[in-house]
PDB file of N, CA and C in Angstrom:
ATOM      1  N   UNK A   1       3.397  14.465 -14.109  1.00  0.00           N
ATOM      2  CA  UNK A   1       3.746  13.397 -13.090  1.00  0.00           C
ATOM      3  C   UNK A   1       4.074  11.468 -13.770  1.00  0.00           C
ATOM      4  N   UNK A   2       4.912  11.703 -13.079  1.00  0.00           N
ATOM      5  CA  UNK A   2       5.798  10.002 -14.033  1.00  0.00           C
ATOM      6  C   UNK A   2       4.334   9.089 -13.838  1.00  0.00           C
ATOM      7  N   UNK A   3       3.832   8.328 -14.304  1.00  0.00           N
ATOM      8  CA  UNK A   3       3.481   7.292 -14.019  1.00  0.00           C
ATOM      9  C   UNK A   3       2.369   6.996 -12.329  1.00  0.00           C
ATOM     10  N   UNK A   4       1.696   8.052 -13.182  1.00  0.00           N
ATOM     11  CA  UNK A   4       0.494   8.485 -11.629  1.00  0.00           C
ATOM     12  C   UNK A   4      -0.305   7.166 -11.496  1.00  0.00           C
ATOM     13  N   UNK A   5      -0.586   6.217 -12.671  1.00  0.00           N
ATOM     14  CA  UNK A   5      -1.316   4.871 -13.023  1.00  0.00           C
ATOM     15  C   UNK A   5      -1.111   4.084 -11.297  1.00  0.00           C
ATOM     16  N   UNK A   6       0.399   4.260 -11.109  1.00  0.00           N
ATOM     17  CA  UNK A   6       1.184   3.241 -10.135  1.00  0.00           C
ATOM     18  C   UNK A   6       0.633   4.104  -8.570  1.00  0.00           C
ATOM     19  N   UNK A   7       0.511   4.955  -8.196  1.00  0.00           N
ATOM     20  CA  UNK A   7       0.014   5.662  -7.297  1.00  0.00           C
ATOM     21  C   UNK A   7      -1.059   5.048  -6.072  1.00  0.00           C
ATOM     22  N   UNK A   8      -1.991   4.218  -6.910  1.00  0.00           N
ATOM     23  CA  UNK A   8      -2.860   3.630  -6.127  1.00  0.00           C
ATOM     24  C   UNK A   8      -2.370   2.551  -5.982  1.00  0.00           C
ATOM     25  N   UNK A   9      -1.842   2.151  -6.195  1.00  0.00           N
ATOM     26  CA  UNK A   9      -1.138   0.389  -6.229  1.00  0.00           C
ATOM     27  C   UNK A   9      -0.456   0.389  -5.060  1.00  0.00           C
ATOM     28  N   UNK A  10       0.241   1.701  -5.283  1.00  0.00           N
ATOM     29  CA  UNK A  10       1.711   2.005  -3.797  1.00  0.00           C
ATOM     30  C   UNK A  10       1.364   2.264  -2.405  1.00  0.00           C
ATOM     31  N   UNK A  11       0.065   3.214  -2.784  1.00  0.00           N
ATOM     32  CA  UNK A  11      -0.538   3.551  -1.535  1.00  0.00           C
ATOM     33  C   UNK A  11      -1.195   2.632  -1.062  1.00  0.00           C
ATOM     34  N   UNK A  12      -2.271   2.058  -1.727  1.00  0.00           N
ATOM     35  CA  UNK A  12      -2.511   0.295  -0.689  1.00  0.00           C
ATOM     36  C   UNK A  12      -1.495  -0.616  -0.167  1.00  0.00           C
ATOM     37  N   UNK A  13      -0.516  -0.816  -1.118  1.00  0.00           N
ATOM     38  CA  UNK A  13       0.521  -1.344  -0.115  1.00  0.00           C
ATOM     39  C   UNK A  13       1.956  -0.491   1.213  1.00  0.00           C
ATOM     40  N   UNK A  14       1.269   0.467   1.419  1.00  0.00           N
ATOM     41  CA  UNK A  14       2.098   0.852   2.398  1.00  0.00           C
ATOM     42  C   UNK A  14       0.511   1.480   2.808  1.00  0.00           C
ATOM     43  N   UNK A  15      -0.406   1.653   2.774  1.00  0.00           N
ATOM     44  CA  UNK A  15      -1.225   1.482   3.493  1.00  0.00           C
ATOM     45  C   UNK A  15      -1.862   0.171   4.636  1.00  0.00           C
ATOM     46  N   UNK A  16      -1.571  -1.510   3.799  1.00  0.00           N
ATOM     47  CA  UNK A  16      -1.464  -2.512   4.294  1.00  0.00           C
ATOM     48  C   UNK A  16      -0.709  -2.839   5.600  1.00  0.00           C
ATOM     49  N   UNK A  17       0.629  -2.142   4.914  1.00  0.00           N
ATOM     50  CA  UNK A  17       1.835  -2.505   5.853  1.00  0.00           C
ATOM     51  C   UNK A  17       1.717  -1.590   6.840  1.00  0.00           C
ATOM     52  N   UNK A  18       1.297  -0.226   6.364  1.00  0.00           N
ATOM     53  CA  UNK A  18       0.951   0.237   8.173  1.00  0.00           C
ATOM     54  C   UNK A  18      -0.202  -0.410   8.900  1.00  0.00           C
ATOM     55  N   UNK A  19      -0.968  -1.252   8.366  1.00  0.00           N
ATOM     56  CA  UNK A  19      -1.899  -1.095   9.859  1.00  0.00           C
ATOM     57  C   UNK A  19      -1.835  -2.194   9.583  1.00  0.00           C
ATOM     58  N   UNK A  20      -0.688  -2.722   9.681  1.00  0.00           N
ATOM     59  CA  UNK A  20      -0.028  -4.202  11.152  1.00  0.00           C
ATOM     60  C   UNK A  20       0.625  -3.656  12.338  1.00  0.00           C
ATOM     61  N   UNK A  21       0.342  -3.991  13.312  1.00  0.00           N
ATOM     62  CA  UNK A  21       0.348  -3.369  14.354  1.00  0.00           C
ATOM     63  C   UNK A  21       1.577  -3.595  14.722  1.00  0.00           C
ATOM     64  N   UNK A  22       2.555  -4.308  13.938  1.00  0.00           N
ATOM     65  CA  UNK A  22       4.516  -3.442  14.405  1.00  0.00           C
ATOM     66  C   UNK A  22       4.552  -2.320  13.789  1.00  0.00           C
ATOM     67  N   UNK A  23       3.735  -2.078  12.813  1.00  0.00           N
ATOM     68  CA  UNK A  23       4.207  -0.716  12.487  1.00  0.00           C
ATOM     69  C   UNK A  23       2.994   0.115  12.441  1.00  0.00           C
ATOM     70  N   UNK A  24       1.759   0.167  12.900  1.00  0.00           N
ATOM     71  CA  UNK A  24       1.212   1.451  12.807  1.00  0.00           C
ATOM     72  C   UNK A  24       1.464   2.713  13.739  1.00  0.00           C
ATOM     73  N   UNK A  25       1.123   3.374  12.670  1.00  0.00           N
ATOM     74  CA  UNK A  25       1.315   5.269  12.737  1.00  0.00           C
ATOM     75  C   UNK A  25       0.220   5.716  12.079  1.00  0.00           C
ATOM     76  N   UNK A  26      -1.077   5.941  13.231  1.00  0.00           N
ATOM     77  CA  UNK A  26      -2.000   7.051  13.201  1.00  0.00           C
ATOM     78  C   UNK A  26      -1.532   8.513  12.231  1.00  0.00           C
ATOM     79  N   UNK A  27      -0.737   9.374  12.517  1.00  0.00           N
ATOM     80  CA  UNK A  27      -0.650   9.611  11.048  1.00  0.00           C
ATOM     81  C   UNK A  27      -0.509  10.040   9.792  1.00  0.00           C
ATOM     82  N   UNK A  28      -0.213   8.559   9.459  1.00  0.00           N
ATOM     83  CA  UNK A  28       0.499   7.484   8.058  1.00  0.00           C
ATOM     84  C   UNK A  28      -0.646   7.545   7.708  1.00  0.00           C
ATOM     85  N   UNK A  29      -1.687   6.683   8.812  1.00  0.00           N
ATOM     86  CA  UNK A  29      -3.130   6.369   8.425  1.00  0.00           C
ATOM     87  C   UNK A  29      -4.149   7.596   8.104  1.00  0.00           C
ATOM     88  N   UNK A  30      -3.900   8.667   8.445  1.00  0.00           N
ATOM     89  CA  UNK A  30      -4.714   9.569   8.155  1.00  0.00           C
ATOM     90  C   UNK A  30      -4.087  10.073   7.255  1.00  0.00           C
ATOM     91  N   UNK A  31      -2.968  11.229   6.718  1.00  0.00           N
ATOM     92  CA  UNK A  31      -2.070  10.811   5.238  1.00  0.00           C
ATOM     93  C   UNK A  31      -2.623   9.486   4.241  1.00  0.00           C
ATOM     94  N   UNK A  32      -2.878   8.454   4.380  1.00  0.00           N
ATOM     95  CA  UNK A  32      -3.010   7.433   3.076  1.00  0.00           C
ATOM     96  C   UNK A  32      -4.771   8.252   3.069  1.00  0.00           C
ATOM     97  N   UNK A  33      -5.344   7.946   4.359  1.00  0.00           N
ATOM     98  CA  UNK A  33      -7.146   8.155   4.523  1.00  0.00           C
ATOM     99  C   UNK A  33      -7.029   9.138   3.233  1.00  0.00           C
ATOM    100  N   UNK A  34      -6.445  10.718   4.039  1.00  0.00           N
ATOM    101  CA  UNK A  34      -6.482  11.774   3.080  1.00  0.00           C
ATOM    102  C   UNK A  34      -6.507  11.290   1.302  1.00  0.00           C
ATOM    103  N   UNK A  35      -5.096  10.984   1.469  1.00  0.00           N
ATOM    104  CA  UNK A  35      -4.716  10.253   0.017  1.00  0.00           C
ATOM    105  C   UNK A  35      -6.081   9.898  -0.829  1.00  0.00           C
ATOM    106  N   UNK A  36      -6.355   8.813  -0.087  1.00  0.00           N
ATOM    107  CA  UNK A  36      -7.604   8.047  -1.004  1.00  0.00           C
ATOM    108  C   UNK A  36      -9.140   8.708  -1.297  1.00  0.00           C
ATOM    109  N   UNK A  37      -9.208  10.133  -0.422  1.00  0.00           N
ATOM    110  CA  UNK A  37     -10.065  10.130  -0.521  1.00  0.00           C
ATOM    111  C   UNK A  37     -10.420  11.596  -1.538  1.00  0.00           C
ATOM    112  N   UNK A  38      -8.972  11.903  -1.549  1.00  0.00           N
ATOM    113  CA  UNK A  38      -8.829  13.085  -2.250  1.00  0.00           C
ATOM    114  C   UNK A  38      -8.199  13.021  -3.777  1.00  0.00           C
ATOM    115  N   UNK A  39      -7.847  11.739  -4.190  1.00  0.00           N
ATOM    116  CA  UNK A  39      -6.936  10.872  -5.216  1.00  0.00           C
ATOM    117  C   UNK A  39      -7.908  10.393  -5.817  1.00  0.00           C
ATOM    118  N   UNK A  40      -8.956   9.626  -5.293  1.00  0.00           N
ATOM    119  CA  UNK A  40      -9.182   8.573  -5.704  1.00  0.00           C
ATOM    120  C   UNK A  40     -10.825   8.352  -6.035  1.00  0.00           C
ATOM    121  N   UNK A  41     -11.648   9.525  -4.408  1.00  0.00           N
ATOM    122  CA  UNK A  41     -12.905   9.622  -4.150  1.00  0.00           C
ATOM    123  C   UNK A  41     -13.440   8.275  -3.563  1.00  0.00           C
ATOM    124  N   UNK A  42     -12.596   8.025  -2.896  1.00  0.00           N
ATOM    125  CA  UNK A  42     -12.523   6.326  -1.472  1.00  0.00           C
ATOM    126  C   UNK A  42     -11.690   6.543  -0.345  1.00  0.00           C
ATOM    127  N   UNK A  43     -11.979   5.897   0.264  1.00  0.00           N
ATOM    128  CA  UNK A  43     -10.852   5.770   1.550  1.00  0.00           C
ATOM    129  C   UNK A  43     -10.838   4.707   1.723  1.00  0.00           C
ATOM    130  N   UNK A  44     -10.311   4.597   2.954  1.00  0.00           N
ATOM    131  CA  UNK A  44      -9.170   3.447   3.389  1.00  0.00           C
ATOM    132  C   UNK A  44     -10.689   1.842   4.267  1.00  0.00           C
ATOM    133  N   UNK A  45     -11.693   2.321   4.540  1.00  0.00           N
ATOM    134  CA  UNK A  45     -12.077   1.292   5.708  1.00  0.00           C
ATOM    135  C   UNK A  45     -11.964  -0.172   5.288  1.00  0.00           C
ATOM    136  N   UNK A  46     -12.638  -0.169   4.084  1.00  0.00           N
ATOM    137  CA  UNK A  46     -12.403  -1.814   3.818  1.00  0.00           C
ATOM    138  C   UNK A  46     -11.311  -2.082   3.110  1.00  0.00           C
ATOM    139  N   UNK A  47     -10.388  -1.461   3.071  1.00  0.00           N
ATOM    140  CA  UNK A  47      -9.067  -2.329   2.406  1.00  0.00           C
ATOM    141  C   UNK A  47      -8.500  -2.168   4.787  1.00  0.00           C
ATOM    142  N   UNK A  48      -8.658  -1.772   5.227  1.00  0.00           N
ATOM    143  CA  UNK A  48      -8.611  -1.540   6.626  1.00  0.00           C
ATOM    144  C   UNK A  48      -9.515  -3.540   7.324  1.00  0.00           C
ATOM    145  N   UNK A  49     -10.027  -2.961   6.603  1.00  0.00           N
ATOM    146  CA  UNK A  49     -11.207  -4.497   7.128  1.00  0.00           C
ATOM    147  C   UNK A  49     -10.280  -5.709   6.262  1.00  0.00           C
ATOM    148  N   UNK A  50      -9.681  -6.042   5.368  1.00  0.00           N
ATOM    149  CA  UNK A  50      -8.507  -6.974   5.091  1.00  0.00           C
ATOM    150  C   UNK A  50      -7.257  -7.133   5.397  1.00  0.00           C
ATOM    151  N   UNK A  51      -6.917  -5.930   6.694  1.00  0.00           N
ATOM    152  CA  UNK A  51      -5.847  -6.098   6.980  1.00  0.00           C
ATOM    153  C   UNK A  51      -5.829  -6.656   8.720  1.00  0.00           C
ATOM    154  N   UNK A  52      -6.741  -6.164   9.144  1.00  0.00           N
ATOM    155  CA  UNK A  52      -7.678  -6.809  11.047  1.00  0.00           C
ATOM    156  C   UNK A  52      -6.808  -8.075  10.920  1.00  0.00           C
ATOM    157  N   UNK A  53      -5.976  -8.578  12.232  1.00  0.00           N
ATOM    158  CA  UNK A  53      -5.885  -9.324  13.165  1.00  0.00           C
ATOM    159  C   UNK A  53      -4.046 -10.045  11.954  1.00  0.00           C
ATOM    160  N   UNK A  54      -3.513  -9.359  11.013  1.00  0.00           N
ATOM    161  CA  UNK A  54      -2.924  -9.535   9.975  1.00  0.00           C
ATOM    162  C   UNK A  54      -1.709  -8.964  10.177  1.00  0.00           C
ATOM    163  N   UNK A  55      -0.889 -10.474   9.986  1.00  0.00           N
ATOM    164  CA  UNK A  55       0.609  -9.467  10.876  1.00  0.00           C
ATOM    165  C   UNK A  55       1.507  -9.096   9.127  1.00  0.00           C
ATOM    166  N   UNK A  56       2.632  -8.362   9.331  1.00  0.00           N
ATOM    167  CA  UNK A  56       3.082  -7.937   7.340  1.00  0.00           C
ATOM    168  C   UNK A  56       3.575  -8.973   7.310  1.00  0.00           C
ATOM    169  N   UNK A  57       4.120  -9.881   7.369  1.00  0.00           N
ATOM    170  CA  UNK A  57       4.440 -11.251   6.919  1.00  0.00           C
ATOM    171  C   UNK A  57       3.302 -12.252   6.123  1.00  0.00           C
ATOM    172  N   UNK A  58       1.728 -11.755   6.542  1.00  0.00           N
ATOM    173  CA  UNK A  58       1.169 -12.932   6.240  1.00  0.00           C
ATOM    174  C   UNK A  58       0.971 -12.104   4.505  1.00  0.00           C
ATOM    175  N   UNK A  59       0.764 -10.108   5.187  1.00  0.00           N
ATOM    176  CA  UNK A  59      -0.057  -9.824   3.550  1.00  0.00           C
ATOM    177  C   UNK A  59       1.191  -9.429   2.490  1.00  0.00           C
ATOM    178  N   UNK A  60       2.007 -10.134   3.423  1.00  0.00           N
ATOM    179  CA  UNK A  60       3.794  -9.704   1.860  1.00  0.00           C
ATOM    180  C   UNK A  60       3.074  -9.908   0.000  1.00  0.00           C
ATOM    181  N   UNK A  61       2.879 -11.597   0.515  1.00  0.00           N
ATOM    182  CA  UNK A  61       2.768 -11.970  -0.922  1.00  0.00           C
ATOM    183  C   UNK A  61       1.282 -11.875  -1.207  1.00  0.00           C
ATOM    184  N   UNK A  62      -0.009 -11.263  -0.558  1.00  0.00           N
ATOM    185  CA  UNK A  62      -0.516 -10.023  -1.321  1.00  0.00           C
ATOM    186  C   UNK A  62      -0.446  -8.907  -2.087  1.00  0.00           C
ATOM    187  N   UNK A  63       0.660  -8.221  -1.291  1.00  0.00           N
ATOM    188  CA  UNK A  63       0.937  -6.659  -1.361  1.00  0.00           C
ATOM    189  C   UNK A  63       1.971  -6.944  -2.309  1.00  0.00           C
ATOM    190  N   UNK A  64       2.942  -7.818  -2.636  1.00  0.00           N
ATOM    191  CA  UNK A  64       3.873  -8.273  -3.510  1.00  0.00           C
ATOM    192  C   UNK A  64       2.979  -8.800  -4.688  1.00  0.00           C
ATOM    193  N   UNK A  65       1.711  -9.553  -5.019  1.00  0.00           N
ATOM    194  CA  UNK A  65       0.750  -9.029  -5.768  1.00  0.00           C
ATOM    195  C   UNK A  65      -0.175  -7.497  -6.655  1.00  0.00           C
ATOM    196  N   UNK A  66      -0.229  -7.438  -5.803  1.00  0.00           N
ATOM    197  CA  UNK A  66      -0.769  -5.937  -6.276  1.00  0.00           C
ATOM    198  C   UNK A  66       0.407  -5.140  -7.014  1.00  0.00           C
ATOM    199  N   UNK A  67       1.654  -4.826  -5.975  1.00  0.00           N
ATOM    200  CA  UNK A  67       2.740  -3.999  -6.899  1.00  0.00           C
ATOM    201  C   UNK A  67       3.353  -4.965  -8.463  1.00  0.00           C
ATOM    202  N   UNK A  68       3.317  -6.074  -8.452  1.00  0.00           N
ATOM    203  CA  UNK A  68       3.365  -6.625  -9.388  1.00  0.00           C
ATOM    204  C   UNK A  68       2.380  -6.669 -10.459  1.00  0.00           C
ATOM    205  N   UNK A  69       0.836  -6.519 -10.548  1.00  0.00           N
ATOM    206  CA  UNK A  69      -0.256  -6.545 -11.741  1.00  0.00           C
ATOM    207  C   UNK A  69       0.322  -4.778 -11.864  1.00  0.00           C
ATOM    208  N   UNK A  70       0.564  -3.930 -11.067  1.00  0.00           N
ATOM    209  CA  UNK A  70      -0.294  -2.984 -11.164  1.00  0.00           C
ATOM    210  C   UNK A  70       1.116  -1.255 -11.476  1.00  0.00           C
ATOM    211  N   UNK A  71       2.334  -1.617 -10.891  1.00  0.00           N
ATOM    212  CA  UNK A  71       3.723  -1.246 -10.764  1.00  0.00           C
ATOM    213  C   UNK A  71       4.596  -1.903 -11.581  1.00  0.00           C
ATOM    214  N   UNK A  72       5.695  -1.521 -11.649  1.00  0.00           N
ATOM    215  CA  UNK A  72       7.076  -2.003 -12.115  1.00  0.00           C
ATOM    216  C   UNK A  72       7.811  -2.182 -10.498  1.00  0.00           C
ATOM    217  N   UNK A  73       7.385  -2.355  -9.533  1.00  0.00           N
ATOM    218  CA  UNK A  73       8.182  -1.954  -8.499  1.00  0.00           C
ATOM    219  C   UNK A  73       9.131  -3.157  -9.036  1.00  0.00           C
ATOM    220  N   UNK A  74       8.678  -4.491  -9.258  1.00  0.00           N
ATOM    221  CA  UNK A  74       9.921  -5.540  -9.898  1.00  0.00           C
ATOM    222  C   UNK A  74      10.713  -4.821  -9.855  1.00  0.00           C
ATOM    223  N   UNK A  75      10.609  -4.983 -10.891  1.00  0.00           N
ATOM    224  CA  UNK A  75      11.776  -4.614 -12.120  1.00  0.00           C
ATOM    225  C   UNK A  75      13.119  -3.805 -11.282  1.00  0.00           C
ATOM    226  N   UNK A  76      12.079  -2.460 -10.613  1.00  0.00           N
ATOM    227  CA  UNK A  76      13.184  -0.988  -9.596  1.00  0.00           C
ATOM    228  C   UNK A  76      14.090  -2.800  -8.921  1.00  0.00           C
ATOM    229  N   UNK A  77      13.078  -3.366  -8.030  1.00  0.00           N
ATOM    230  CA  UNK A  77      13.977  -3.931  -7.019  1.00  0.00           C
ATOM    231  C   UNK A  77      15.061  -4.767  -7.916  1.00  0.00           C
ATOM    232  N   UNK A  78      15.120  -5.072  -8.940  1.00  0.00           N
ATOM    233  CA  UNK A  78      15.519  -6.310  -9.420  1.00  0.00           C
ATOM    234  C   UNK A  78      16.988  -5.051 -10.511  1.00  0.00           C
ATOM    235  N   UNK A  79      16.726  -3.932 -10.613  1.00  0.00           N
ATOM    236  CA  UNK A  79      17.761  -2.640 -11.137  1.00  0.00           C
ATOM    237  C   UNK A  79      18.083  -1.941 -10.297  1.00  0.00           C
ATOM    238  N   UNK A  80      17.380  -1.324  -9.189  1.00  0.00           N
ATOM    239  CA  UNK A  80      18.704  -0.196  -8.170  1.00  0.00           C
ATOM    240  C   UNK A  80      18.430  -1.068  -6.816  1.00  0.00           C
ATOM    241  N   UNK A  81      18.441  -2.372  -6.493  1.00  0.00           N
ATOM    242  CA  UNK A  81      18.591  -2.658  -5.333  1.00  0.00           C
ATOM    243  C   UNK A  81      19.085  -3.438  -5.145  1.00  0.00           C
ATOM    244  N   UNK A  82      20.495  -3.824  -6.173  1.00  0.00           N
ATOM    245  CA  UNK A  82      21.187  -4.438  -6.047  1.00  0.00           C
ATOM    246  C   UNK A  82      22.978  -4.162  -5.663  1.00  0.00           C
TER     247      UNK A  82
END
């Protein structure tokens, strides 16, 4: 698998977006928790606490910061979404 070091940042972003009330899906939450436990030996509890009561719009600057630091997502946006 290519660029596996990016997986945690990508799953973190998805987890945070899914945690907002307007996007919450219990099946996605369970799959993400499973992935964090199996792939990283951790769970999503602390991550969920960071998201409580926040909207997607409030979290997006922080999510983008994580993605910019740990992935090539910004480059992807520039190259493939024109």
